[in-house]
Amino acid sequence: MATITARQQRRLQRSFHLLAAATLLYYVYVPAAHSVHDLVRFVAFPVLALTGLAMWQAARLRRAVRLFRQGWGFRRPRAEEREDPAADGAARRRVDRAGPSSR
């Protein structure tokens, strides 16, 4: 899978954002711009909104994509779900608190 660098992503977003903004400006300031009415309503304005949000929240989006690729690693697996439950710090503390009498 080809990856895109953060720099390339920013450039693409800026290009689409500027192109959509130019289309919107053309629609607003040219009197006979009714020919681009549907283009502005259904393409340019949503592209402006999405690219603006993407540029604003780029770090959060990158983190979300990374977590999605890792299988939504939002929660830490429980001790019984891990391969080695003894590696869990809480399990080790419980054993240590029990003391030598339980061994």
Protein backbone atom coordinates (compact mmCIF):
# COMPACT_ATOMS: atom_id res chain seq x y z
CA MET A 1 0.00 0.00 0.00
CA ALA A 2 1.44 3.34 -0.99
CA THR A 3 1.65 5.81 1.85
CA ILE A 4 1.35 9.52 1.59
CA THR A 5 3.54 11.79 3.66
CA ALA A 6 2.07 14.48 5.88
CA ARG A 7 3.56 17.13 3.60
CA GLN A 8 1.92 15.66 0.49
CA GLN A 9 -1.37 15.36 2.36
CA ARG A 10 -1.27 19.03 3.37
CA ARG A 11 -0.49 20.11 -0.18
CA LEU A 12 -3.37 18.09 -1.61
CA GLN A 13 -5.78 19.42 0.98
CA ARG A 14 -4.71 23.01 0.36
CA SER A 15 -5.04 22.57 -3.40
CA PHE A 16 -8.56 21.15 -3.15
CA HIS A 17 -9.50 23.80 -0.61
CA LEU A 18 -8.27 26.65 -2.83
CA LEU A 19 -9.94 25.18 -5.92
CA ALA A 20 -13.26 24.87 -4.12
CA ALA A 21 -12.88 28.40 -2.72
CA ALA A 22 -12.22 29.77 -6.20
CA THR A 23 -15.36 28.04 -7.48
CA LEU A 24 -17.39 29.52 -4.63
CA LEU A 25 -15.97 33.00 -5.26
CA TYR A 26 -16.81 32.68 -8.95
CA TYR A 27 -20.37 31.74 -8.03
CA VAL A 28 -20.78 34.65 -5.61
CA TYR A 29 -19.15 37.44 -7.63
CA VAL A 30 -20.02 36.62 -11.25
CA PRO A 31 -23.60 37.64 -12.06
CA ALA A 32 -24.25 34.90 -14.62
CA ALA A 33 -22.89 32.11 -12.46
CA HIS A 34 -26.09 30.05 -12.40
CA SER A 35 -24.35 27.46 -14.56
CA VAL A 36 -22.23 26.40 -11.58
CA HIS A 37 -25.07 26.42 -9.06
CA ASP A 38 -25.22 22.63 -8.61
CA LEU A 39 -21.44 22.34 -8.66
CA VAL A 40 -21.16 24.79 -5.78
CA ARG A 41 -24.01 23.25 -3.77
CA PHE A 42 -23.03 19.60 -4.12
CA VAL A 43 -19.25 19.65 -4.69
CA ALA A 44 -17.45 22.89 -3.87
CA PHE A 45 -19.08 23.73 -0.55
CA PRO A 46 -18.78 20.19 0.92
CA VAL A 47 -15.16 20.01 -0.27
CA LEU A 48 -14.46 23.35 1.41
CA ALA A 49 -16.00 22.15 4.66
CA LEU A 50 -14.27 18.76 4.65
CA THR A 51 -10.83 20.01 3.70
CA GLY A 52 -11.10 22.84 6.21
CA LEU A 53 -11.96 20.39 8.97
CA ALA A 54 -9.24 18.00 7.82
CA MET A 55 -6.58 20.72 7.92
CA TRP A 56 -7.82 21.92 11.31
CA GLN A 57 -7.92 18.45 12.91
CA ALA A 58 -5.09 16.78 10.98
CA ALA A 59 -3.31 15.40 14.05
CA ARG A 60 -6.49 13.85 15.46
CA LEU A 61 -7.41 12.36 12.10
CA ARG A 62 -3.94 10.87 11.67
CA ARG A 63 -4.15 9.35 15.16
CA ALA A 64 -7.61 7.94 14.44
CA VAL A 65 -6.45 6.38 11.16
CA ARG A 66 -3.44 4.85 12.89
CA LEU A 67 -5.63 3.38 15.64
CA PHE A 68 -8.09 2.09 13.04
CA ARG A 69 -5.28 0.30 11.21
CA GLN A 70 -4.13 -1.23 14.50
CA GLY A 71 -7.57 -2.61 15.17
CA TRP A 72 -9.09 0.18 17.27
CA GLY A 73 -6.54 -0.04 20.06
CA PHE A 74 -8.54 2.26 22.32
CA ARG A 75 -8.77 -0.10 25.25
CA ARG A 76 -6.02 -2.01 26.92
CA PRO A 77 -6.67 -5.79 26.99
CA ARG A 78 -7.59 -7.28 30.34
CA ALA A 79 -5.17 -9.59 32.16
CA GLU A 80 -7.15 -12.71 31.20
CA GLU A 81 -7.12 -11.64 27.53
CA ARG A 82 -3.34 -11.28 27.39
CA GLU A 83 -1.00 -14.07 26.42
CA ASP A 84 0.96 -13.71 29.67
CA PRO A 85 -1.34 -12.56 32.51
CA ALA A 86 1.63 -12.44 34.91
CA ALA A 87 2.97 -9.52 32.87
CA ASP A 88 0.10 -7.45 34.21
CA GLY A 89 1.29 -5.11 36.96
CA ALA A 90 -1.95 -5.41 38.94
CA ALA A 91 -1.72 -9.22 38.98
CA ARG A 92 1.87 -9.01 40.26
CA ARG A 93 0.82 -6.59 43.01
CA ARG A 94 -1.96 -8.92 44.13
CA VAL A 95 0.53 -11.78 44.44
CA ASP A 96 3.01 -9.61 46.34
CA ARG A 97 0.32 -8.43 48.80
CA ALA A 98 -0.69 -11.98 49.57
CA GLY A 99 2.68 -12.51 51.15
CA PRO A 100 4.69 -15.66 51.80
CA SER A 101 1.87 -17.40 53.67
CA SER A 102 -0.08 -18.08 50.48
CA ARG A 103 2.86 -19.46 48.56
